[in-house]
PDB file of N, CA and C in Angstrom:
ATOM      1  N   MET A   1      82.217  76.922  53.461  1.00  0.00           N
ATOM      2  CA  MET A   1      81.103  77.458  54.130  1.00  0.00           C
ATOM      3  C   MET A   1      81.118  78.646  53.278  1.00  0.00           C
ATOM      4  N   VAL A   2      80.343  78.316  52.055  1.00  0.00           N
ATOM      5  CA  VAL A   2      80.177  79.424  50.909  1.00  0.00           C
ATOM      6  C   VAL A   2      78.876  80.209  51.508  1.00  0.00           C
ATOM      7  N   GLY A   3      79.070  81.581  51.254  1.00  0.00           N
ATOM      8  CA  GLY A   3      78.021  82.502  51.449  1.00  0.00           C
ATOM      9  C   GLY A   3      77.995  82.958  52.737  1.00  0.00           C
ATOM     10  N   GLN A   4      78.515  82.483  53.960  1.00  0.00           N
ATOM     11  CA  GLN A   4      78.612  82.928  55.378  1.00  0.00           C
ATOM     12  C   GLN A   4      79.629  83.945  55.358  1.00  0.00           C
ATOM     13  N   ARG A   5      78.958  85.114  56.298  1.00  0.00           N
ATOM     14  CA  ARG A   5      80.157  86.140  56.705  1.00  0.00           C
ATOM     15  C   ARG A   5      80.884  85.682  57.852  1.00  0.00           C
ATOM     16  N   LYS A   6      82.093  86.242  57.641  1.00  0.00           N
ATOM     17  CA  LYS A   6      83.192  85.802  58.870  1.00  0.00           C
ATOM     18  C   LYS A   6      82.369  86.164  60.090  1.00  0.00           C
ATOM     19  N   ALA A   7      81.617  86.629  60.193  1.00  0.00           N
ATOM     20  CA  ALA A   7      81.212  87.669  61.527  1.00  0.00           C
ATOM     21  C   ALA A   7      80.012  86.180  62.193  1.00  0.00           C
ATOM     22  N   ASP A   8      79.411  85.640  60.985  1.00  0.00           N
ATOM     23  CA  ASP A   8      78.669  84.455  61.266  1.00  0.00           C
ATOM     24  C   ASP A   8      79.307  83.152  61.696  1.00  0.00           C
ATOM     25  N   ARG A   9      80.378  83.082  61.142  1.00  0.00           N
ATOM     26  CA  ARG A   9      81.085  82.036  61.477  1.00  0.00           C
ATOM     27  C   ARG A   9      82.203  81.917  62.892  1.00  0.00           C
ATOM     28  N   LEU A  10      82.191  83.130  63.685  1.00  0.00           N
ATOM     29  CA  LEU A  10      82.786  83.113  64.890  1.00  0.00           C
ATOM     30  C   LEU A  10      82.326  83.111  65.950  1.00  0.00           C
ATOM     31  N   TRP A  11      82.801  82.567  67.025  1.00  0.00           N
ATOM     32  CA  TRP A  11      82.194  82.459  68.049  1.00  0.00           C
ATOM     33  C   TRP A  11      82.123  84.281  68.793  1.00  0.00           C
ATOM     34  N   PRO A  12      81.095  84.708  69.650  1.00  0.00           N
ATOM     35  CA  PRO A  12      81.555  85.901  70.135  1.00  0.00           C
ATOM     36  C   PRO A  12      82.640  85.881  71.243  1.00  0.00           C
ATOM     37  N   ARG A  13      83.453  86.929  71.270  1.00  0.00           N
ATOM     38  CA  ARG A  13      84.667  87.050  72.216  1.00  0.00           C
ATOM     39  C   ARG A  13      83.770  87.149  73.928  1.00  0.00           C
ATOM     40  N   PRO A  14      84.555  86.649  74.879  1.00  0.00           N
ATOM     41  CA  PRO A  14      83.778  86.864  76.220  1.00  0.00           C
ATOM     42  C   PRO A  14      84.332  88.302  76.571  1.00  0.00           C
ATOM     43  N   ARG A  15      83.412  88.871  77.423  1.00  0.00           N
ATOM     44  CA  ARG A  15      83.898  90.348  77.472  1.00  0.00           C
ATOM     45  C   ARG A  15      84.815  90.196  79.015  1.00  0.00           C
ATOM     46  N   THR A  16      84.556  89.077  79.830  1.00  0.00           N
ATOM     47  CA  THR A  16      85.191  89.042  80.945  1.00  0.00           C
ATOM     48  C   THR A  16      85.775  87.555  81.027  1.00  0.00           C
ATOM     49  N   THR A  17      86.557  87.282  81.782  1.00  0.00           N
ATOM     50  CA  THR A  17      87.276  85.857  81.853  1.00  0.00           C
ATOM     51  C   THR A  17      87.080  85.129  83.319  1.00  0.00           C
ATOM     52  N   ARG A  18      87.018  84.007  83.221  1.00  0.00           N
ATOM     53  CA  ARG A  18      87.047  83.138  84.610  1.00  0.00           C
ATOM     54  C   ARG A  18      88.195  82.278  84.806  1.00  0.00           C
ATOM     55  N   HIS A  19      89.177  82.438  83.932  1.00  0.00           N
ATOM     56  CA  HIS A  19      90.371  81.392  83.834  1.00  0.00           C
ATOM     57  C   HIS A  19      91.270  82.496  84.331  1.00  0.00           C
ATOM     58  N   VAL A  20      92.197  82.026  85.476  1.00  0.00           N
ATOM     59  CA  VAL A  20      93.427  82.631  86.038  1.00  0.00           C
ATOM     60  C   VAL A  20      94.474  81.650  86.147  1.00  0.00           C
ATOM     61  N   TRP A  21      95.657  82.675  86.639  1.00  0.00           N
ATOM     62  CA  TRP A  21      96.854  81.938  86.803  1.00  0.00           C
ATOM     63  C   TRP A  21      96.863  82.348  88.695  1.00  0.00           C
ATOM     64  N   VAL A  22      96.985  81.444  89.447  1.00  0.00           N
ATOM     65  CA  VAL A  22      96.960  81.547  91.053  1.00  0.00           C
ATOM     66  C   VAL A  22      98.490  81.442  91.420  1.00  0.00           C
ATOM     67  N   SER A  23      99.005  82.552  91.966  1.00  0.00           N
ATOM     68  CA  SER A  23     100.463  82.332  92.463  1.00  0.00           C
ATOM     69  C   SER A  23     100.276  81.647  93.992  1.00  0.00           C
ATOM     70  N   GLN A  24     101.231  80.994  93.933  1.00  0.00           N
ATOM     71  CA  GLN A  24     101.353  79.952  95.211  1.00  0.00           C
ATOM     72  C   GLN A  24     102.224  80.664  96.058  1.00  0.00           C
ATOM     73  N   PRO A  25     102.205  80.583  97.436  1.00  0.00           N
ATOM     74  CA  PRO A  25     103.257  80.937  98.470  1.00  0.00           C
ATOM     75  C   PRO A  25     104.518  80.094  98.104  1.00  0.00           C
ATOM     76  N   GLY A  26     105.545  80.875  98.539  1.00  0.00           N
ATOM     77  CA  GLY A  26     107.226  80.257  98.494  1.00  0.00           C
ATOM     78  C   GLY A  26     107.794  81.030  97.452  1.00  0.00           C
ATOM     79  N   VAL A  27     108.964  80.493  97.632  1.00  0.00           N
ATOM     80  CA  VAL A  27     110.150  81.078  96.484  1.00  0.00           C
ATOM     81  C   VAL A  27     110.076  80.077  95.417  1.00  0.00           C
ATOM     82  N   GLN A  28     110.082  80.393  94.366  1.00  0.00           N
ATOM     83  CA  GLN A  28     110.311  79.782  93.063  1.00  0.00           C
ATOM     84  C   GLN A  28     109.022  78.722  92.886  1.00  0.00           C
ATOM     85  N   VAL A  29     107.983  79.135  93.048  1.00  0.00           N
ATOM     86  CA  VAL A  29     106.948  78.121  93.272  1.00  0.00           C
ATOM     87  C   VAL A  29     105.915  78.646  91.781  1.00  0.00           C
ATOM     88  N   PRO A  30     106.021  77.804  90.875  1.00  0.00           N
ATOM     89  CA  PRO A  30     105.137  78.295  89.816  1.00  0.00           C
ATOM     90  C   PRO A  30     103.602  78.394  89.878  1.00  0.00           C
ATOM     91  N   PRO A  31     103.134  79.213  89.216  1.00  0.00           N
ATOM     92  CA  PRO A  31     101.337  79.355  89.494  1.00  0.00           C
ATOM     93  C   PRO A  31     100.617  78.313  88.941  1.00  0.00           C
ATOM     94  N   VAL A  32      99.519  78.141  89.517  1.00  0.00           N
ATOM     95  CA  VAL A  32      98.523  77.188  89.210  1.00  0.00           C
ATOM     96  C   VAL A  32      97.513  77.426  88.367  1.00  0.00           C
ATOM     97  N   GLN A  33      97.040  76.731  87.258  1.00  0.00           N
ATOM     98  CA  GLN A  33      95.885  77.216  86.570  1.00  0.00           C
ATOM     99  C   GLN A  33      94.350  77.168  87.578  1.00  0.00           C
ATOM    100  N   GLY A  34      93.684  77.973  87.307  1.00  0.00           N
ATOM    101  CA  GLY A  34      92.547  78.339  88.246  1.00  0.00           C
ATOM    102  C   GLY A  34      91.077  78.753  87.316  1.00  0.00           C
ATOM    103  N   PHE A  35      90.053  78.282  87.995  1.00  0.00           N
ATOM    104  CA  PHE A  35      88.815  78.579  87.510  1.00  0.00           C
ATOM    105  C   PHE A  35      88.190  79.341  88.554  1.00  0.00           C
ATOM    106  N   VAL A  36      87.811  80.765  88.030  1.00  0.00           N
ATOM    107  CA  VAL A  36      86.908  81.480  89.280  1.00  0.00           C
ATOM    108  C   VAL A  36      85.492  81.238  88.889  1.00  0.00           C
ATOM    109  N   VAL A  37      84.968  80.853  90.372  1.00  0.00           N
ATOM    110  CA  VAL A  37      83.416  80.676  90.425  1.00  0.00           C
ATOM    111  C   VAL A  37      82.744  81.432  90.919  1.00  0.00           C
ATOM    112  N   GLU A  38      83.147  82.405  91.753  1.00  0.00           N
ATOM    113  CA  GLU A  38      82.407  83.300  92.237  1.00  0.00           C
ATOM    114  C   GLU A  38      83.583  84.386  93.328  1.00  0.00           C
ATOM    115  N   TRP A  39      82.798  85.831  92.852  1.00  0.00           N
ATOM    116  CA  TRP A  39      83.593  86.875  93.423  1.00  0.00           C
ATOM    117  C   TRP A  39      82.822  87.046  94.851  1.00  0.00           C
ATOM    118  N   ARG A  40      83.655  87.716  95.707  1.00  0.00           N
ATOM    119  CA  ARG A  40      83.086  88.548  96.949  1.00  0.00           C
ATOM    120  C   ARG A  40      84.138  89.349  97.606  1.00  0.00           C
ATOM    121  N   ARG A  41      83.158  90.467  98.239  1.00  0.00           N
ATOM    122  CA  ARG A  41      84.165  91.568  98.792  1.00  0.00           C
ATOM    123  C   ARG A  41      83.716  91.466 100.381  1.00  0.00           C
ATOM    124  N   HIS A  42      84.770  91.384 101.201  1.00  0.00           N
ATOM    125  CA  HIS A  42      84.756  91.441 102.428  1.00  0.00           C
ATOM    126  C   HIS A  42      85.715  92.549 102.908  1.00  0.00           C
ATOM    127  N   GLY A  43      84.912  93.800 103.463  1.00  0.00           N
ATOM    128  CA  GLY A  43      85.293  94.971 103.713  1.00  0.00           C
ATOM    129  C   GLY A  43      85.845  95.438 102.705  1.00  0.00           C
ATOM    130  N   TYR A  44      87.426  95.967 102.610  1.00  0.00           N
ATOM    131  CA  TYR A  44      87.714  96.510 101.071  1.00  0.00           C
ATOM    132  C   TYR A  44      88.423  95.588 100.359  1.00  0.00           C
ATOM    133  N   ARG A  45      88.445  94.392 100.393  1.00  0.00           N
ATOM    134  CA  ARG A  45      89.520  93.528  99.673  1.00  0.00           C
ATOM    135  C   ARG A  45      88.300  92.523  98.922  1.00  0.00           C
ATOM    136  N   TRP A  46      88.762  91.989  97.769  1.00  0.00           N
ATOM    137  CA  TRP A  46      88.025  91.169  96.960  1.00  0.00           C
ATOM    138  C   TRP A  46      88.613  89.831  96.993  1.00  0.00           C
ATOM    139  N   TRP A  47      87.824  88.730  97.051  1.00  0.00           N
ATOM    140  CA  TRP A  47      88.507  87.601  97.259  1.00  0.00           C
ATOM    141  C   TRP A  47      87.367  86.586  96.228  1.00  0.00           C
ATOM    142  N   ALA A  48      88.123  85.562  95.573  1.00  0.00           N
ATOM    143  CA  ALA A  48      87.355  84.751  94.648  1.00  0.00           C
ATOM    144  C   ALA A  48      87.376  83.388  95.129  1.00  0.00           C
ATOM    145  N   LEU A  49      86.338  82.565  95.043  1.00  0.00           N
ATOM    146  CA  LEU A  49      86.541  81.233  95.090  1.00  0.00           C
ATOM    147  C   LEU A  49      86.984  80.643  93.798  1.00  0.00           C
ATOM    148  N   VAL A  50      87.992  79.974  94.093  1.00  0.00           N
ATOM    149  CA  VAL A  50      88.604  79.265  92.976  1.00  0.00           C
ATOM    150  C   VAL A  50      89.039  77.774  92.959  1.00  0.00           C
ATOM    151  N   LEU A  51      88.627  77.268  91.728  1.00  0.00           N
ATOM    152  CA  LEU A  51      88.820  76.056  91.666  1.00  0.00           C
ATOM    153  C   LEU A  51      90.071  75.692  91.005  1.00  0.00           C
ATOM    154  N   THR A  52      91.089  75.032  91.452  1.00  0.00           N
ATOM    155  CA  THR A  52      92.382  74.597  91.098  1.00  0.00           C
ATOM    156  C   THR A  52      92.453  72.757  91.131  1.00  0.00           C
ATOM    157  N   VAL A  53      93.613  72.611  90.068  1.00  0.00           N
ATOM    158  CA  VAL A  53      93.923  71.278  90.096  1.00  0.00           C
ATOM    159  C   VAL A  53      95.430  71.155  90.372  1.00  0.00           C
ATOM    160  N   HIS A  54      96.102  70.292  91.704  1.00  0.00           N
ATOM    161  CA  HIS A  54      97.389  70.183  91.795  1.00  0.00           C
ATOM    162  C   HIS A  54      97.555  68.998  91.371  1.00  0.00           C
ATOM    163  N   THR A  55      98.872  68.915  90.753  1.00  0.00           N
ATOM    164  CA  THR A  55      99.365  67.283  90.391  1.00  0.00           C
ATOM    165  C   THR A  55     100.588  67.165  90.985  1.00  0.00           C
ATOM    166  N   PRO A  56     100.348  66.655  92.476  1.00  0.00           N
ATOM    167  CA  PRO A  56     101.672  66.310  92.848  1.00  0.00           C
ATOM    168  C   PRO A  56     102.541  65.045  92.520  1.00  0.00           C
ATOM    169  N   ALA A  57     103.792  65.006  92.341  1.00  0.00           N
ATOM    170  CA  ALA A  57     104.487  63.929  91.852  1.00  0.00           C
ATOM    171  C   ALA A  57     104.062  62.660  92.611  1.00  0.00           C
ATOM    172  N   ALA A  58     103.857  61.753  91.599  1.00  0.00           N
ATOM    173  CA  ALA A  58     103.603  60.208  92.073  1.00  0.00           C
ATOM    174  C   ALA A  58     102.033  59.933  92.916  1.00  0.00           C
ATOM    175  N   GLU A  59     101.295  61.118  92.848  1.00  0.00           N
ATOM    176  CA  GLU A  59     100.135  60.786  93.590  1.00  0.00           C
ATOM    177  C   GLU A  59      99.112  61.505  92.316  1.00  0.00           C
ATOM    178  N   PRO A  60      97.613  60.805  92.616  1.00  0.00           N
ATOM    179  CA  PRO A  60      96.771  61.517  91.595  1.00  0.00           C
ATOM    180  C   PRO A  60      96.385  62.996  91.964  1.00  0.00           C
ATOM    181  N   PRO A  61      95.919  63.602  90.850  1.00  0.00           N
ATOM    182  CA  PRO A  61      95.379  64.988  90.663  1.00  0.00           C
ATOM    183  C   PRO A  61      94.803  65.264  91.965  1.00  0.00           C
ATOM    184  N   LEU A  62      94.783  66.585  92.682  1.00  0.00           N
ATOM    185  CA  LEU A  62      94.107  66.975  93.793  1.00  0.00           C
ATOM    186  C   LEU A  62      93.374  68.083  93.349  1.00  0.00           C
ATOM    187  N   THR A  63      92.144  68.205  93.502  1.00  0.00           N
ATOM    188  CA  THR A  63      91.271  69.252  92.994  1.00  0.00           C
ATOM    189  C   THR A  63      90.839  70.160  94.281  1.00  0.00           C
ATOM    190  N   LYS A  64      91.218  71.688  94.294  1.00  0.00           N
ATOM    191  CA  LYS A  64      90.903  72.172  95.417  1.00  0.00           C
ATOM    192  C   LYS A  64      90.366  73.480  95.360  1.00  0.00           C
ATOM    193  N   LEU A  65      89.104  73.740  96.082  1.00  0.00           N
ATOM    194  CA  LEU A  65      88.037  74.919  96.181  1.00  0.00           C
ATOM    195  C   LEU A  65      88.525  75.729  97.472  1.00  0.00           C
ATOM    196  N   GLU A  66      89.005  77.008  97.002  1.00  0.00           N
ATOM    197  CA  GLU A  66      89.387  77.709  98.218  1.00  0.00           C
ATOM    198  C   GLU A  66      89.114  79.245  97.839  1.00  0.00           C
ATOM    199  N   ARG A  67      89.068  80.131  98.965  1.00  0.00           N
ATOM    200  CA  ARG A  67      89.029  81.703  98.722  1.00  0.00           C
ATOM    201  C   ARG A  67      90.331  81.952  98.715  1.00  0.00           C
ATOM    202  N   VAL A  68      90.406  82.965  97.333  1.00  0.00           N
ATOM    203  CA  VAL A  68      91.936  83.425  97.163  1.00  0.00           C
ATOM    204  C   VAL A  68      91.741  84.859  97.102  1.00  0.00           C
ATOM    205  N   ARG A  69      92.788  85.653  97.559  1.00  0.00           N
ATOM    206  CA  ARG A  69      92.711  87.117  97.522  1.00  0.00           C
ATOM    207  C   ARG A  69      92.983  87.721  95.977  1.00  0.00           C
ATOM    208  N   ALA A  70      92.365  88.527  95.826  1.00  0.00           N
ATOM    209  CA  ALA A  70      92.435  89.142  94.322  1.00  0.00           C
ATOM    210  C   ALA A  70      93.743  89.455  93.948  1.00  0.00           C
ATOM    211  N   GLU A  71      94.695  89.549  94.796  1.00  0.00           N
ATOM    212  CA  GLU A  71      95.899  90.032  94.374  1.00  0.00           C
ATOM    213  C   GLU A  71      96.722  88.864  93.914  1.00  0.00           C
ATOM    214  N   ARG A  72      96.440  87.788  94.360  1.00  0.00           N
ATOM    215  CA  ARG A  72      97.091  86.557  93.820  1.00  0.00           C
ATOM    216  C   ARG A  72      96.705  86.143  92.637  1.00  0.00           C
ATOM    217  N   LEU A  73      95.790  86.812  91.921  1.00  0.00           N
ATOM    218  CA  LEU A  73      95.190  86.025  90.588  1.00  0.00           C
ATOM    219  C   LEU A  73      95.650  86.812  89.429  1.00  0.00           C
ATOM    220  N   LYS A  74      96.102  86.521  88.358  1.00  0.00           N
ATOM    221  CA  LYS A  74      96.167  87.053  87.412  1.00  0.00           C
ATOM    222  C   LYS A  74      95.226  86.488  86.051  1.00  0.00           C
ATOM    223  N   PRO A  75      94.268  87.037  85.337  1.00  0.00           N
ATOM    224  CA  PRO A  75      93.496  86.522  84.586  1.00  0.00           C
ATOM    225  C   PRO A  75      94.447  86.396  83.269  1.00  0.00           C
ATOM    226  N   VAL A  76      93.606  85.380  82.518  1.00  0.00           N
ATOM    227  CA  VAL A  76      93.893  84.739  81.467  1.00  0.00           C
ATOM    228  C   VAL A  76      93.005  84.745  80.421  1.00  0.00           C
ATOM    229  N   ARG A  77      93.080  85.768  79.510  1.00  0.00           N
ATOM    230  CA  ARG A  77      92.491  86.082  78.157  1.00  0.00           C
ATOM    231  C   ARG A  77      92.459  85.036  77.099  1.00  0.00           C
ATOM    232  N   SER A  78      90.726  84.543  76.864  1.00  0.00           N
ATOM    233  CA  SER A  78      90.768  83.688  75.709  1.00  0.00           C
ATOM    234  C   SER A  78      90.060  83.959  74.936  1.00  0.00           C
ATOM    235  N   ASP A  79      90.321  83.310  73.684  1.00  0.00           N
ATOM    236  CA  ASP A  79      89.504  83.505  72.336  1.00  0.00           C
ATOM    237  C   ASP A  79      89.145  82.339  71.985  1.00  0.00           C
ATOM    238  N   PRO A  80      87.719  81.848  71.740  1.00  0.00           N
ATOM    239  CA  PRO A  80      87.387  80.723  71.202  1.00  0.00           C
ATOM    240  C   PRO A  80      87.596  80.487  69.691  1.00  0.00           C
ATOM    241  N   ASN A  81      88.229  81.766  69.056  1.00  0.00           N
ATOM    242  CA  ASN A  81      88.338  81.504  67.771  1.00  0.00           C
ATOM    243  C   ASN A  81      89.904  81.447  66.973  1.00  0.00           C
ATOM    244  N   GLY A  82      90.619  81.708  68.275  1.00  0.00           N
ATOM    245  CA  GLY A  82      92.127  81.488  68.201  1.00  0.00           C
ATOM    246  C   GLY A  82      92.382  80.094  67.265  1.00  0.00           C
ATOM    247  N   ASP A  83      93.625  80.050  67.142  1.00  0.00           N
ATOM    248  CA  ASP A  83      94.551  79.606  66.635  1.00  0.00           C
ATOM    249  C   ASP A  83      94.584  77.785  67.072  1.00  0.00           C
ATOM    250  N   ALA A  84      94.293  77.731  68.419  1.00  0.00           N
ATOM    251  CA  ALA A  84      94.474  76.385  68.857  1.00  0.00           C
ATOM    252  C   ALA A  84      93.109  75.902  68.712  1.00  0.00           C
ATOM    253  N   TRP A  85      92.168  76.373  68.487  1.00  0.00           N
ATOM    254  CA  TRP A  85      90.903  75.547  68.098  1.00  0.00           C
ATOM    255  C   TRP A  85      90.934  74.993  66.863  1.00  0.00           C
ATOM    256  N   ARG A  86      91.879  75.606  65.830  1.00  0.00           N
ATOM    257  CA  ARG A  86      92.109  74.878  64.508  1.00  0.00           C
ATOM    258  C   ARG A  86      92.239  73.354  64.277  1.00  0.00           C
ATOM    259  N   ILE A  87      92.571  72.682  65.342  1.00  0.00           N
ATOM    260  CA  ILE A  87      92.971  71.402  65.288  1.00  0.00           C
ATOM    261  C   ILE A  87      91.608  70.466  65.327  1.00  0.00           C
ATOM    262  N   TRP A  88      90.677  71.219  65.657  1.00  0.00           N
ATOM    263  CA  TRP A  88      89.256  70.378  66.073  1.00  0.00           C
ATOM    264  C   TRP A  88      88.564  70.579  64.844  1.00  0.00           C
ATOM    265  N   ARG A  89      88.818  71.568  64.052  1.00  0.00           N
ATOM    266  CA  ARG A  89      87.946  71.653  62.906  1.00  0.00           C
ATOM    267  C   ARG A  89      88.114  70.726  61.909  1.00  0.00           C
TER     268      ARG A  89
END
């Protein structure tokens, strides 16, 4: 790509993210990847409508859409120009 500036070749970085880790109840239960569809405030608490995919053993994947308290969510920052994308170029 001769003649292009680096800024013209890069995707803009998102200011906010919708990808999250969702903590699960229980001891030693790993978090699940999630995607925030919507935010709502109920009283003094924030809740998110989150889409998750659970993969139980010996069963097909289970997709869940549920309201989750904000305290259970940890955002995952993403960069569309990161090294992981180089395999697609």
